[in-house]
Amino acid sequence: MPACWEQRGCDEAMSAQCPHATQAQWSPCLLDCMYTICDRPQHVETTDLDLLLDPTIDRQKAVKMVCCTCENFLKNGPRLNVSSV
C-alpha cells in the first residue's frame, strides 16, 4: 500500500488530464487544487519550525504540496541521503 504522501486526491480520469500528475518530473498538486485537501486522520499541520526546515526530508516524494507541512510526512516520510545534504 502506498504511503499517503504518494497518493493524489483525484481519480484516474482527472489525473490523466492534470498537468501535475506526471511521472517525468516532480510536479506536486498545488495548494489551491480542490483535490489536494487531506482529510486523513494522520494529517496534522505542523507549526514546528525545525520540522519545516529539516534539510534531510525528501520533499520531492510528496505528490501534494500540502504534505510538505504535514507532521506525519515530515516525521515519517523519506529522507535524503545524508552525504548529499
N, C-alpha and C. Protein backbone atom coordinates (compact mmCIF):
# COMPACT_ATOMS: atom_id res chain seq x y z
N MET A 1 0.84 -1.18 0.00
CA MET A 1 0.00 0.00 0.00
C MET A 1 0.89 1.24 0.00
N PRO A 2 0.62 2.18 -0.89
CA PRO A 2 1.45 3.39 -0.94
C PRO A 2 1.24 4.28 0.29
N ALA A 3 2.27 5.03 0.62
CA ALA A 3 2.16 5.98 1.73
C ALA A 3 1.19 7.10 1.32
N CYS A 4 0.60 7.75 2.29
CA CYS A 4 -0.39 8.78 1.98
C CYS A 4 0.20 9.91 1.15
N TRP A 5 1.47 10.24 1.32
CA TRP A 5 2.09 11.32 0.55
C TRP A 5 2.41 10.91 -0.88
N GLU A 6 2.14 9.65 -1.23
CA GLU A 6 2.32 9.18 -2.60
C GLU A 6 1.01 9.11 -3.36
N GLN A 7 -0.08 9.56 -2.74
CA GLN A 7 -1.41 9.45 -3.34
C GLN A 7 -2.00 10.84 -3.59
N ARG A 8 -2.42 11.06 -4.82
CA ARG A 8 -3.11 12.30 -5.15
C ARG A 8 -4.56 12.18 -4.71
N GLY A 9 -5.28 13.28 -4.68
CA GLY A 9 -6.66 13.26 -4.24
C GLY A 9 -7.66 13.07 -5.36
N CYS A 10 -7.19 13.08 -6.60
CA CYS A 10 -8.11 12.96 -7.73
C CYS A 10 -8.15 11.52 -8.24
N ASP A 11 -9.18 11.22 -9.01
CA ASP A 11 -9.30 9.86 -9.54
C ASP A 11 -8.46 9.70 -10.82
N GLU A 12 -8.46 8.52 -11.38
CA GLU A 12 -7.61 8.21 -12.54
C GLU A 12 -7.94 9.08 -13.75
N ALA A 13 -9.21 9.33 -13.99
CA ALA A 13 -9.61 10.15 -15.15
C ALA A 13 -9.14 11.59 -14.99
N MET A 14 -9.27 12.13 -13.79
CA MET A 14 -8.81 13.51 -13.55
C MET A 14 -7.29 13.58 -13.62
N SER A 15 -6.61 12.57 -13.08
CA SER A 15 -5.14 12.55 -13.15
C SER A 15 -4.63 12.54 -14.58
N ALA A 16 -5.38 11.89 -15.46
CA ALA A 16 -4.99 11.84 -16.88
C ALA A 16 -5.01 13.22 -17.52
N GLN A 17 -5.83 14.11 -17.01
CA GLN A 17 -5.94 15.47 -17.55
C GLN A 17 -5.11 16.50 -16.79
N CYS A 18 -4.65 16.15 -15.62
CA CYS A 18 -3.95 17.10 -14.75
C CYS A 18 -2.49 17.28 -15.18
N PRO A 19 -2.06 18.53 -15.36
CA PRO A 19 -0.66 18.76 -15.74
C PRO A 19 0.33 18.43 -14.63
N HIS A 20 -0.14 18.28 -13.41
CA HIS A 20 0.76 17.98 -12.29
C HIS A 20 0.94 16.49 -12.06
N ALA A 21 0.06 15.68 -12.59
CA ALA A 21 0.13 14.23 -12.40
C ALA A 21 1.02 13.62 -13.48
N THR A 22 2.27 13.97 -13.44
CA THR A 22 3.23 13.46 -14.42
C THR A 22 4.35 12.71 -13.73
N GLN A 23 4.83 11.69 -14.36
CA GLN A 23 5.94 10.92 -13.80
C GLN A 23 7.28 11.45 -14.28
N ALA A 24 7.27 12.31 -15.30
CA ALA A 24 8.51 12.79 -15.92
C ALA A 24 9.31 13.69 -14.99
N GLN A 25 8.64 14.45 -14.17
CA GLN A 25 9.33 15.37 -13.26
C GLN A 25 8.48 15.59 -12.03
N TRP A 26 9.10 16.12 -10.98
CA TRP A 26 8.35 16.40 -9.76
C TRP A 26 7.46 17.61 -10.00
N SER A 27 6.18 17.40 -9.88
CA SER A 27 5.20 18.46 -10.08
C SER A 27 4.02 18.19 -9.15
N PRO A 28 4.16 18.59 -7.89
CA PRO A 28 3.12 18.26 -6.91
C PRO A 28 1.83 19.04 -7.14
N CYS A 29 0.75 18.49 -6.63
CA CYS A 29 -0.54 19.19 -6.66
C CYS A 29 -0.39 20.48 -5.86
N LEU A 30 -0.91 21.55 -6.41
CA LEU A 30 -0.80 22.85 -5.75
C LEU A 30 -1.81 22.97 -4.61
N LEU A 31 -1.55 23.88 -3.70
CA LEU A 31 -2.42 24.05 -2.54
C LEU A 31 -3.83 24.49 -2.90
N ASP A 32 -3.98 25.17 -4.05
CA ASP A 32 -5.31 25.67 -4.41
C ASP A 32 -6.15 24.66 -5.20
N CYS A 33 -5.63 23.47 -5.45
CA CYS A 33 -6.41 22.43 -6.12
C CYS A 33 -7.44 21.88 -5.14
N MET A 34 -8.68 21.75 -5.61
CA MET A 34 -9.73 21.29 -4.70
C MET A 34 -9.54 19.83 -4.25
N TYR A 35 -8.67 19.08 -4.92
CA TYR A 35 -8.45 17.67 -4.56
C TYR A 35 -7.19 17.47 -3.71
N THR A 36 -6.54 18.56 -3.35
CA THR A 36 -5.31 18.43 -2.57
C THR A 36 -5.57 18.43 -1.07
N ILE A 37 -6.79 18.74 -0.67
CA ILE A 37 -7.13 18.74 0.75
C ILE A 37 -6.97 17.33 1.31
N CYS A 38 -6.32 17.22 2.44
CA CYS A 38 -6.11 15.91 3.06
C CYS A 38 -7.00 15.78 4.29
N ASP A 39 -7.88 14.80 4.26
CA ASP A 39 -8.77 14.58 5.41
C ASP A 39 -8.42 13.29 6.15
N ARG A 40 -7.22 12.79 5.91
CA ARG A 40 -6.79 11.58 6.61
C ARG A 40 -6.56 11.89 8.09
N PRO A 41 -6.83 10.94 8.96
CA PRO A 41 -6.68 11.21 10.40
C PRO A 41 -5.24 11.49 10.81
N GLN A 42 -4.26 11.01 10.05
CA GLN A 42 -2.87 11.24 10.41
C GLN A 42 -2.35 12.60 9.93
N HIS A 43 -3.17 13.34 9.18
CA HIS A 43 -2.74 14.65 8.68
C HIS A 43 -2.88 15.71 9.77
N VAL A 44 -1.75 16.28 10.15
CA VAL A 44 -1.71 17.36 11.13
C VAL A 44 -0.73 18.40 10.60
N GLU A 45 -1.23 19.62 10.42
CA GLU A 45 -0.34 20.71 10.00
C GLU A 45 0.60 21.02 11.15
N THR A 46 1.89 21.06 10.86
CA THR A 46 2.86 21.32 11.93
C THR A 46 3.14 22.81 12.06
N THR A 47 3.50 23.20 13.25
CA THR A 47 3.99 24.55 13.50
C THR A 47 5.44 24.50 13.98
N ASP A 48 6.01 23.30 13.97
CA ASP A 48 7.38 23.08 14.42
C ASP A 48 8.35 23.55 13.33
N LEU A 49 9.01 24.65 13.56
CA LEU A 49 9.92 25.23 12.57
C LEU A 49 11.08 24.29 12.25
N ASP A 50 11.55 23.55 13.23
CA ASP A 50 12.64 22.59 12.99
C ASP A 50 12.21 21.52 11.98
N LEU A 51 10.99 21.05 12.09
CA LEU A 51 10.49 20.06 11.13
C LEU A 51 10.34 20.69 9.74
N LEU A 52 9.77 21.88 9.70
CA LEU A 52 9.54 22.54 8.42
C LEU A 52 10.84 22.82 7.66
N LEU A 53 11.91 23.06 8.40
CA LEU A 53 13.20 23.41 7.78
C LEU A 53 14.19 22.25 7.73
N ASP A 54 13.79 21.07 8.15
CA ASP A 54 14.68 19.91 8.19
C ASP A 54 15.22 19.61 6.77
N PRO A 55 16.53 19.72 6.58
CA PRO A 55 17.10 19.53 5.24
C PRO A 55 17.21 18.06 4.82
N THR A 56 16.92 17.13 5.72
CA THR A 56 17.06 15.71 5.38
C THR A 56 15.80 15.10 4.78
N ILE A 57 14.70 15.84 4.78
CA ILE A 57 13.43 15.32 4.25
C ILE A 57 13.42 15.41 2.73
N ASP A 58 13.06 14.33 2.09
CA ASP A 58 12.97 14.31 0.62
C ASP A 58 11.58 14.76 0.20
N ARG A 59 11.41 16.06 0.09
CA ARG A 59 10.11 16.65 -0.23
C ARG A 59 9.63 16.31 -1.64
N GLN A 60 10.52 15.88 -2.49
CA GLN A 60 10.12 15.53 -3.86
C GLN A 60 9.39 14.19 -3.91
N LYS A 61 9.27 13.51 -2.81
CA LYS A 61 8.48 12.27 -2.74
C LYS A 61 7.02 12.55 -2.45
N ALA A 62 6.70 13.80 -2.09
CA ALA A 62 5.31 14.18 -1.81
C ALA A 62 4.65 14.60 -3.12
N VAL A 63 3.49 14.03 -3.41
CA VAL A 63 2.80 14.37 -4.65
C VAL A 63 1.86 15.56 -4.48
N LYS A 64 1.70 16.02 -3.24
CA LYS A 64 0.87 17.20 -2.97
C LYS A 64 1.66 18.17 -2.10
N MET A 65 1.56 19.45 -2.40
CA MET A 65 2.27 20.46 -1.61
C MET A 65 1.83 20.45 -0.15
N VAL A 66 0.58 20.11 0.11
CA VAL A 66 0.08 20.11 1.48
C VAL A 66 0.85 19.12 2.35
N CYS A 67 1.42 18.09 1.75
CA CYS A 67 2.20 17.11 2.51
C CYS A 67 3.47 17.73 3.11
N CYS A 68 3.99 18.75 2.46
CA CYS A 68 5.25 19.35 2.91
C CYS A 68 5.12 20.12 4.22
N THR A 69 3.90 20.30 4.71
CA THR A 69 3.69 20.92 6.01
C THR A 69 2.99 19.97 6.98
N CYS A 70 2.84 18.73 6.57
CA CYS A 70 2.16 17.72 7.40
C CYS A 70 3.17 17.05 8.34
N GLU A 71 2.83 17.04 9.60
CA GLU A 71 3.70 16.45 10.62
C GLU A 71 3.99 14.97 10.34
N ASN A 72 2.99 14.24 9.87
CA ASN A 72 3.17 12.82 9.57
C ASN A 72 4.24 12.64 8.48
N PHE A 73 4.15 13.40 7.41
CA PHE A 73 5.15 13.31 6.34
C PHE A 73 6.52 13.76 6.82
N LEU A 74 6.56 14.88 7.53
CA LEU A 74 7.85 15.43 7.97
C LEU A 74 8.57 14.51 8.96
N LYS A 75 7.81 13.78 9.76
CA LYS A 75 8.43 12.87 10.73
C LYS A 75 8.68 11.48 10.15
N ASN A 76 7.81 11.00 9.27
CA ASN A 76 7.87 9.61 8.81
C ASN A 76 8.18 9.44 7.34
N GLY A 77 8.27 10.54 6.62
CA GLY A 77 8.49 10.47 5.18
C GLY A 77 9.92 10.09 4.82
N PRO A 78 10.18 9.95 3.54
CA PRO A 78 11.50 9.54 3.07
C PRO A 78 12.56 10.61 3.35
N ARG A 79 13.74 10.14 3.53
CA ARG A 79 14.88 11.01 3.83
C ARG A 79 15.86 11.00 2.66
N LEU A 80 16.57 12.11 2.55
CA LEU A 80 17.64 12.20 1.56
C LEU A 80 18.86 11.49 2.11
N ASN A 81 19.73 11.10 1.22
CA ASN A 81 21.00 10.52 1.62
C ASN A 81 21.78 11.61 2.38
N VAL A 82 22.14 11.33 3.60
CA VAL A 82 22.79 12.33 4.46
C VAL A 82 24.06 12.88 3.81
N SER A 83 24.79 12.07 3.07
CA SER A 83 26.03 12.54 2.47
C SER A 83 25.78 13.56 1.35
N SER A 84 24.53 13.62 0.81
CA SER A 84 24.24 14.56 -0.26
C SER A 84 23.70 15.89 0.28
N VAL A 85 23.47 15.98 1.60
CA VAL A 85 22.93 17.20 2.19
C VAL A 85 24.04 18.15 2.54
